[in-house]
Amino acid sequence: MEIDQSLDLKRDRLFDKIVLYSATALFTLTIILTTLQVFIRLLNLPTFGFLHWTEPAARFVLIVATYLGAAVAVRNNEHIAIRFLLDRLTNWKPWLGYLVQVVGKLIIIGFLWIALEGTVITTVEDWTTSIGGIGFVTSGHLYLGIGIGIGVMLIYAVIDFVGLARELLAMRTEGTDSGQFEEGIADE
């Protein structure tokens, strides 16, 4: 099986680079913390010693990194999709394929909006709730990181929606020239 290397990635802006490098840095930090935790267990170091915080820290960083990584996937249109029906519709009637994509993006935007609202509420309510492992990290901090990832996904989904809507409108107006009549046989 061959890996598809033709992702047709969009042009990176500063915001895109910040999101991508942040996700990469968090995943790297997760690997470092997890490796450190493996050595702590392998060498049978005391769990409540100096590095006891590496296990929950790796867990918390991985959670936030996953949401930022998902935002990168949404931006690059690499999320999970079943393209069979959409490809058939697009080949049959291109405007119908774009219409289905627009409706799909609206559903995604609606879901992300609801998830973001819930995350904001939980962040505020749980800002001081301890989740253990690391004393200064609270549940609110963790939900703040999740909310940032969901917010970035929402931004990218809205950008995709606007692009798809523009393409759909261009397709509708492309075939009709205003003020001209098509030739045909008059119905008498």
C-alpha atoms as a PDB file:
ATOM      1  CA  MET A   1       0.000   0.000   0.000  1.00  0.00           C
ATOM      2  CA  GLU A   2       1.348   3.374  -0.942  1.00  0.00           C
ATOM      3  CA  ILE A   3       0.981   6.533   1.109  1.00  0.00           C
ATOM      4  CA  ASP A   4      -0.672   9.436  -0.700  1.00  0.00           C
ATOM      5  CA  GLN A   5       1.798  12.317  -0.733  1.00  0.00           C
ATOM      6  CA  SER A   6      -0.410  14.701  -2.750  1.00  0.00           C
ATOM      7  CA  LEU A   7      -2.249  16.351   0.128  1.00  0.00           C
ATOM      8  CA  ASP A   8      -2.549  19.702  -1.688  1.00  0.00           C
ATOM      9  CA  LEU A   9      -1.811  21.601   1.511  1.00  0.00           C
ATOM     10  CA  LYS A  10      -2.870  25.189   1.789  1.00  0.00           C
ATOM     11  CA  ARG A  11      -0.423  28.051   2.146  1.00  0.00           C
ATOM     12  CA  ASP A  12       0.771  28.442   5.708  1.00  0.00           C
ATOM     13  CA  ARG A  13       0.129  31.690   7.512  1.00  0.00           C
ATOM     14  CA  LEU A  14       1.644  32.710  10.841  1.00  0.00           C
ATOM     15  CA  PHE A  15      -1.457  31.466  12.701  1.00  0.00           C
ATOM     16  CA  ASP A  16      -1.190  28.080  10.954  1.00  0.00           C
ATOM     17  CA  LYS A  17       2.484  27.770  11.844  1.00  0.00           C
ATOM     18  CA  ILE A  18       1.788  28.631  15.491  1.00  0.00           C
ATOM     19  CA  VAL A  19      -0.897  25.937  15.691  1.00  0.00           C
ATOM     20  CA  LEU A  20       1.249  23.332  13.917  1.00  0.00           C
ATOM     21  CA  TYR A  21       4.400  24.044  15.939  1.00  0.00           C
ATOM     22  CA  SER A  22       2.421  24.127  19.197  1.00  0.00           C
ATOM     23  CA  ALA A  23       0.867  20.725  18.454  1.00  0.00           C
ATOM     24  CA  THR A  24       4.262  19.320  17.476  1.00  0.00           C
ATOM     25  CA  ALA A  25       5.913  20.713  20.615  1.00  0.00           C
ATOM     26  CA  LEU A  26       3.173  19.261  22.827  1.00  0.00           C
ATOM     27  CA  PHE A  27       3.448  15.830  21.194  1.00  0.00           C
ATOM     28  CA  THR A  28       7.229  15.969  21.615  1.00  0.00           C
ATOM     29  CA  LEU A  29       6.798  16.912  25.278  1.00  0.00           C
ATOM     30  CA  THR A  30       4.408  13.965  25.689  1.00  0.00           C
ATOM     31  CA  ILE A  31       7.024  11.585  24.296  1.00  0.00           C
ATOM     32  CA  ILE A  32       9.725  13.012  26.566  1.00  0.00           C
ATOM     33  CA  LEU A  33       7.532  12.810  29.680  1.00  0.00           C
ATOM     34  CA  THR A  34       6.363   9.287  28.843  1.00  0.00           C
ATOM     35  CA  THR A  35       9.916   8.092  28.227  1.00  0.00           C
ATOM     36  CA  LEU A  36      10.992   9.635  31.518  1.00  0.00           C
ATOM     37  CA  GLN A  37       8.133   7.839  33.281  1.00  0.00           C
ATOM     38  CA  VAL A  38       9.163   4.517  31.721  1.00  0.00           C
ATOM     39  CA  PHE A  39      12.704   4.930  33.064  1.00  0.00           C
ATOM     40  CA  ILE A  40      11.354   5.872  36.502  1.00  0.00           C
ATOM     41  CA  ARG A  41       9.350   2.635  36.587  1.00  0.00           C
ATOM     42  CA  LEU A  42      12.123   0.544  35.019  1.00  0.00           C
ATOM     43  CA  LEU A  43      14.678   1.708  37.559  1.00  0.00           C
ATOM     44  CA  ASN A  44      12.088   1.350  40.334  1.00  0.00           C
ATOM     45  CA  LEU A  45      12.591   4.895  41.533  1.00  0.00           C
ATOM     46  CA  PRO A  46      10.294   6.047  44.331  1.00  0.00           C
ATOM     47  CA  THR A  47       6.949   7.093  42.846  1.00  0.00           C
ATOM     48  CA  PHE A  48       6.612  10.042  45.184  1.00  0.00           C
ATOM     49  CA  GLY A  49      10.133  11.252  44.538  1.00  0.00           C
ATOM     50  CA  PHE A  50      11.213  14.226  42.502  1.00  0.00           C
ATOM     51  CA  LEU A  51       9.646  13.092  39.177  1.00  0.00           C
ATOM     52  CA  HIS A  52       6.250  11.797  40.317  1.00  0.00           C
ATOM     53  CA  TRP A  53       4.515  14.474  38.250  1.00  0.00           C
ATOM     54  CA  THR A  54       5.624  13.071  34.864  1.00  0.00           C
ATOM     55  CA  GLU A  55       2.734  10.612  34.497  1.00  0.00           C
ATOM     56  CA  PRO A  56      -0.163  13.069  34.958  1.00  0.00           C
ATOM     57  CA  ALA A  57       1.747  15.752  33.058  1.00  0.00           C
ATOM     58  CA  ALA A  58       2.143  13.426  30.056  1.00  0.00           C
ATOM     59  CA  ARG A  59      -1.580  12.620  30.209  1.00  0.00           C
ATOM     60  CA  PHE A  60      -2.634  16.284  30.393  1.00  0.00           C
ATOM     61  CA  VAL A  61      -0.259  17.379  27.630  1.00  0.00           C
ATOM     62  CA  LEU A  62      -1.435  14.535  25.377  1.00  0.00           C
ATOM     63  CA  ILE A  63      -5.075  15.558  25.812  1.00  0.00           C
ATOM     64  CA  VAL A  64      -4.415  19.154  24.771  1.00  0.00           C
ATOM     65  CA  ALA A  65      -2.032  18.092  21.976  1.00  0.00           C
ATOM     66  CA  THR A  66      -4.705  15.797  20.548  1.00  0.00           C
ATOM     67  CA  TYR A  67      -7.130  18.685  20.142  1.00  0.00           C
ATOM     68  CA  LEU A  68      -4.493  20.905  18.532  1.00  0.00           C
ATOM     69  CA  GLY A  69      -3.519  17.997  16.264  1.00  0.00           C
ATOM     70  CA  ALA A  70      -7.163  17.597  15.305  1.00  0.00           C
ATOM     71  CA  ALA A  71      -7.237  21.296  14.395  1.00  0.00           C
ATOM     72  CA  VAL A  72      -4.258  20.750  12.086  1.00  0.00           C
ATOM     73  CA  ALA A  73      -6.088  17.797  10.500  1.00  0.00           C
ATOM     74  CA  VAL A  74      -9.224  19.905   9.964  1.00  0.00           C
ATOM     75  CA  ARG A  75      -7.131  22.651   8.391  1.00  0.00           C
ATOM     76  CA  ASN A  76      -5.463  20.227   5.962  1.00  0.00           C
ATOM     77  CA  ASN A  77      -8.727  18.386   5.254  1.00  0.00           C
ATOM     78  CA  GLU A  78      -7.171  15.154   6.549  1.00  0.00           C
ATOM     79  CA  HIS A  79      -9.940  14.157   8.930  1.00  0.00           C
ATOM     80  CA  ILE A  80     -11.750  10.862   8.578  1.00  0.00           C
ATOM     81  CA  ALA A  81     -14.187  10.853   5.679  1.00  0.00           C
ATOM     82  CA  ILE A  82     -15.958   8.341   3.481  1.00  0.00           C
ATOM     83  CA  ARG A  83     -15.421   9.829   0.038  1.00  0.00           C
ATOM     84  CA  PHE A  84     -17.206   7.192  -2.081  1.00  0.00           C
ATOM     85  CA  LEU A  85     -20.667   8.789  -2.184  1.00  0.00           C
ATOM     86  CA  LEU A  86     -19.319  12.332  -2.329  1.00  0.00           C
ATOM     87  CA  ASP A  87     -17.044  11.484  -5.266  1.00  0.00           C
ATOM     88  CA  ARG A  88     -19.952   9.865  -7.119  1.00  0.00           C
ATOM     89  CA  LEU A  89     -22.192  12.875  -6.517  1.00  0.00           C
ATOM     90  CA  THR A  90     -19.452  15.301  -7.565  1.00  0.00           C
ATOM     91  CA  ASN A  91     -18.802  13.379 -10.789  1.00  0.00           C
ATOM     92  CA  TRP A  92     -22.519  13.208 -11.555  1.00  0.00           C
ATOM     93  CA  LYS A  93     -23.433  16.795 -10.670  1.00  0.00           C
ATOM     94  CA  PRO A  94     -20.558  18.927  -9.344  1.00  0.00           C
ATOM     95  CA  TRP A  95     -22.862  21.456  -7.688  1.00  0.00           C
ATOM     96  CA  LEU A  96     -24.574  18.652  -5.752  1.00  0.00           C
ATOM     97  CA  GLY A  97     -21.218  17.422  -4.441  1.00  0.00           C
ATOM     98  CA  TYR A  98     -20.372  20.924  -3.240  1.00  0.00           C
ATOM     99  CA  LEU A  99     -23.830  21.306  -1.709  1.00  0.00           C
ATOM    100  CA  VAL A 100     -23.354  18.093   0.292  1.00  0.00           C
ATOM    101  CA  GLN A 101     -19.946  19.360   1.439  1.00  0.00           C
ATOM    102  CA  VAL A 102     -21.474  22.695   2.511  1.00  0.00           C
ATOM    103  CA  VAL A 103     -24.185  20.918   4.513  1.00  0.00           C
ATOM    104  CA  GLY A 104     -21.532  18.685   6.085  1.00  0.00           C
ATOM    105  CA  LYS A 105     -19.454  21.719   7.064  1.00  0.00           C
ATOM    106  CA  LEU A 106     -22.544  23.345   8.615  1.00  0.00           C
ATOM    107  CA  ILE A 107     -23.093  20.229  10.727  1.00  0.00           C
ATOM    108  CA  ILE A 108     -19.426  20.236  11.782  1.00  0.00           C
ATOM    109  CA  ILE A 109     -19.582  23.941  12.644  1.00  0.00           C
ATOM    110  CA  GLY A 110     -22.738  23.372  14.699  1.00  0.00           C
ATOM    111  CA  PHE A 111     -21.162  20.491  16.596  1.00  0.00           C
ATOM    112  CA  LEU A 112     -17.946  22.417  17.266  1.00  0.00           C
ATOM    113  CA  TRP A 113     -19.917  25.459  18.424  1.00  0.00           C
ATOM    114  CA  ILE A 114     -21.876  23.370  20.939  1.00  0.00           C
ATOM    115  CA  ALA A 115     -18.671  21.629  22.095  1.00  0.00           C
ATOM    116  CA  LEU A 116     -16.939  24.989  22.509  1.00  0.00           C
ATOM    117  CA  GLU A 117     -19.830  26.397  24.540  1.00  0.00           C
ATOM    118  CA  GLY A 118     -19.764  23.360  26.838  1.00  0.00           C
ATOM    119  CA  THR A 119     -16.008  23.596  27.200  1.00  0.00           C
ATOM    120  CA  VAL A 120     -16.150  27.292  28.091  1.00  0.00           C
ATOM    121  CA  ILE A 121     -18.807  26.638  30.738  1.00  0.00           C
ATOM    122  CA  THR A 122     -16.801  23.749  32.198  1.00  0.00           C
ATOM    123  CA  THR A 123     -13.590  25.793  32.149  1.00  0.00           C
ATOM    124  CA  VAL A 124     -15.193  28.572  34.185  1.00  0.00           C
ATOM    125  CA  GLU A 125     -16.978  26.249  36.619  1.00  0.00           C
ATOM    126  CA  ASP A 126     -13.967  23.972  37.210  1.00  0.00           C
ATOM    127  CA  TRP A 127     -11.216  26.603  37.177  1.00  0.00           C
ATOM    128  CA  THR A 128     -10.168  25.829  40.758  1.00  0.00           C
ATOM    129  CA  THR A 129     -11.026  22.107  40.824  1.00  0.00           C
ATOM    130  CA  SER A 130      -7.928  20.004  41.469  1.00  0.00           C
ATOM    131  CA  ILE A 131      -7.482  16.931  39.283  1.00  0.00           C
ATOM    132  CA  GLY A 132      -4.534  15.466  41.149  1.00  0.00           C
ATOM    133  CA  GLY A 133      -1.023  14.651  40.165  1.00  0.00           C
ATOM    134  CA  ILE A 134       0.162  18.212  39.716  1.00  0.00           C
ATOM    135  CA  GLY A 135      -0.947  20.645  42.383  1.00  0.00           C
ATOM    136  CA  PHE A 136      -1.098  23.819  40.331  1.00  0.00           C
ATOM    137  CA  VAL A 137      -2.916  22.283  37.313  1.00  0.00           C
ATOM    138  CA  THR A 138      -6.693  22.311  37.669  1.00  0.00           C
ATOM    139  CA  SER A 139      -9.526  20.864  35.663  1.00  0.00           C
ATOM    140  CA  GLY A 140     -10.224  24.358  34.375  1.00  0.00           C
ATOM    141  CA  HIS A 141      -6.708  24.599  32.943  1.00  0.00           C
ATOM    142  CA  LEU A 142      -7.147  21.307  31.119  1.00  0.00           C
ATOM    143  CA  TYR A 143     -10.517  22.362  29.697  1.00  0.00           C
ATOM    144  CA  LEU A 144      -8.988  25.673  28.636  1.00  0.00           C
ATOM    145  CA  GLY A 145      -6.479  23.768  26.495  1.00  0.00           C
ATOM    146  CA  ILE A 146      -9.264  21.620  25.051  1.00  0.00           C
ATOM    147  CA  GLY A 147     -11.326  24.744  24.353  1.00  0.00           C
ATOM    148  CA  ILE A 148      -8.433  26.363  22.506  1.00  0.00           C
ATOM    149  CA  GLY A 149      -8.125  23.278  20.285  1.00  0.00           C
ATOM    150  CA  ILE A 150     -11.870  23.203  19.598  1.00  0.00           C
ATOM    151  CA  GLY A 151     -11.839  26.954  18.900  1.00  0.00           C
ATOM    152  CA  VAL A 152      -9.057  26.555  16.338  1.00  0.00           C
ATOM    153  CA  MET A 153     -10.965  23.663  14.719  1.00  0.00           C
ATOM    154  CA  LEU A 154     -14.029  25.927  14.531  1.00  0.00           C
ATOM    155  CA  ILE A 155     -12.010  28.704  12.883  1.00  0.00           C
ATOM    156  CA  TYR A 156     -10.685  26.294  10.244  1.00  0.00           C
ATOM    157  CA  ALA A 157     -14.149  24.789   9.648  1.00  0.00           C
ATOM    158  CA  VAL A 158     -15.628  28.270   9.085  1.00  0.00           C
ATOM    159  CA  ILE A 159     -12.820  29.127   6.660  1.00  0.00           C
ATOM    160  CA  ASP A 160     -13.513  25.879   4.739  1.00  0.00           C
ATOM    161  CA  PHE A 161     -17.246  26.608   4.756  1.00  0.00           C
ATOM    162  CA  VAL A 162     -16.721  30.076   3.286  1.00  0.00           C
ATOM    163  CA  GLY A 163     -14.478  28.641   0.561  1.00  0.00           C
ATOM    164  CA  LEU A 164     -16.975  25.897  -0.314  1.00  0.00           C
ATOM    165  CA  ALA A 165     -19.875  28.367  -0.329  1.00  0.00           C
ATOM    166  CA  ARG A 166     -17.958  30.651  -2.702  1.00  0.00           C
ATOM    167  CA  GLU A 167     -17.203  27.750  -5.042  1.00  0.00           C
ATOM    168  CA  LEU A 168     -20.845  26.659  -4.983  1.00  0.00           C
ATOM    169  CA  LEU A 169     -22.050  30.194  -5.774  1.00  0.00           C
ATOM    170  CA  ALA A 170     -19.482  30.485  -8.561  1.00  0.00           C
ATOM    171  CA  MET A 171     -20.800  27.240 -10.067  1.00  0.00           C
ATOM    172  CA  ARG A 172     -24.386  28.504  -9.964  1.00  0.00           C
ATOM    173  CA  THR A 173     -23.557  31.802 -11.667  1.00  0.00           C
ATOM    174  CA  GLU A 174     -21.028  30.311 -14.079  1.00  0.00           C
ATOM    175  CA  GLY A 175     -23.567  28.705 -16.383  1.00  0.00           C
ATOM    176  CA  THR A 176     -25.902  31.688 -16.713  1.00  0.00           C
ATOM    177  CA  ASP A 177     -25.081  34.942 -18.453  1.00  0.00           C
ATOM    178  CA  SER A 178     -27.370  37.693 -17.281  1.00  0.00           C
ATOM    179  CA  GLY A 179     -29.516  39.363 -19.900  1.00  0.00           C
ATOM    180  CA  GLN A 180     -29.078  36.695 -22.567  1.00  0.00           C
ATOM    181  CA  PHE A 181     -31.652  34.220 -23.760  1.00  0.00           C
ATOM    182  CA  GLU A 182     -30.770  30.738 -24.862  1.00  0.00           C
ATOM    183  CA  GLU A 183     -31.754  29.741 -28.363  1.00  0.00           C
ATOM    184  CA  GLY A 184     -34.402  27.114 -28.740  1.00  0.00           C
ATOM    185  CA  ILE A 185     -37.666  26.240 -30.370  1.00  0.00           C
ATOM    186  CA  ALA A 186     -40.601  28.368 -29.389  1.00  0.00           C
ATOM    187  CA  ASP A 187     -43.456  26.475 -27.867  1.00  0.00           C
ATOM    188  CA  GLU A 188     -46.589  27.383 -29.782  1.00  0.00           C
END
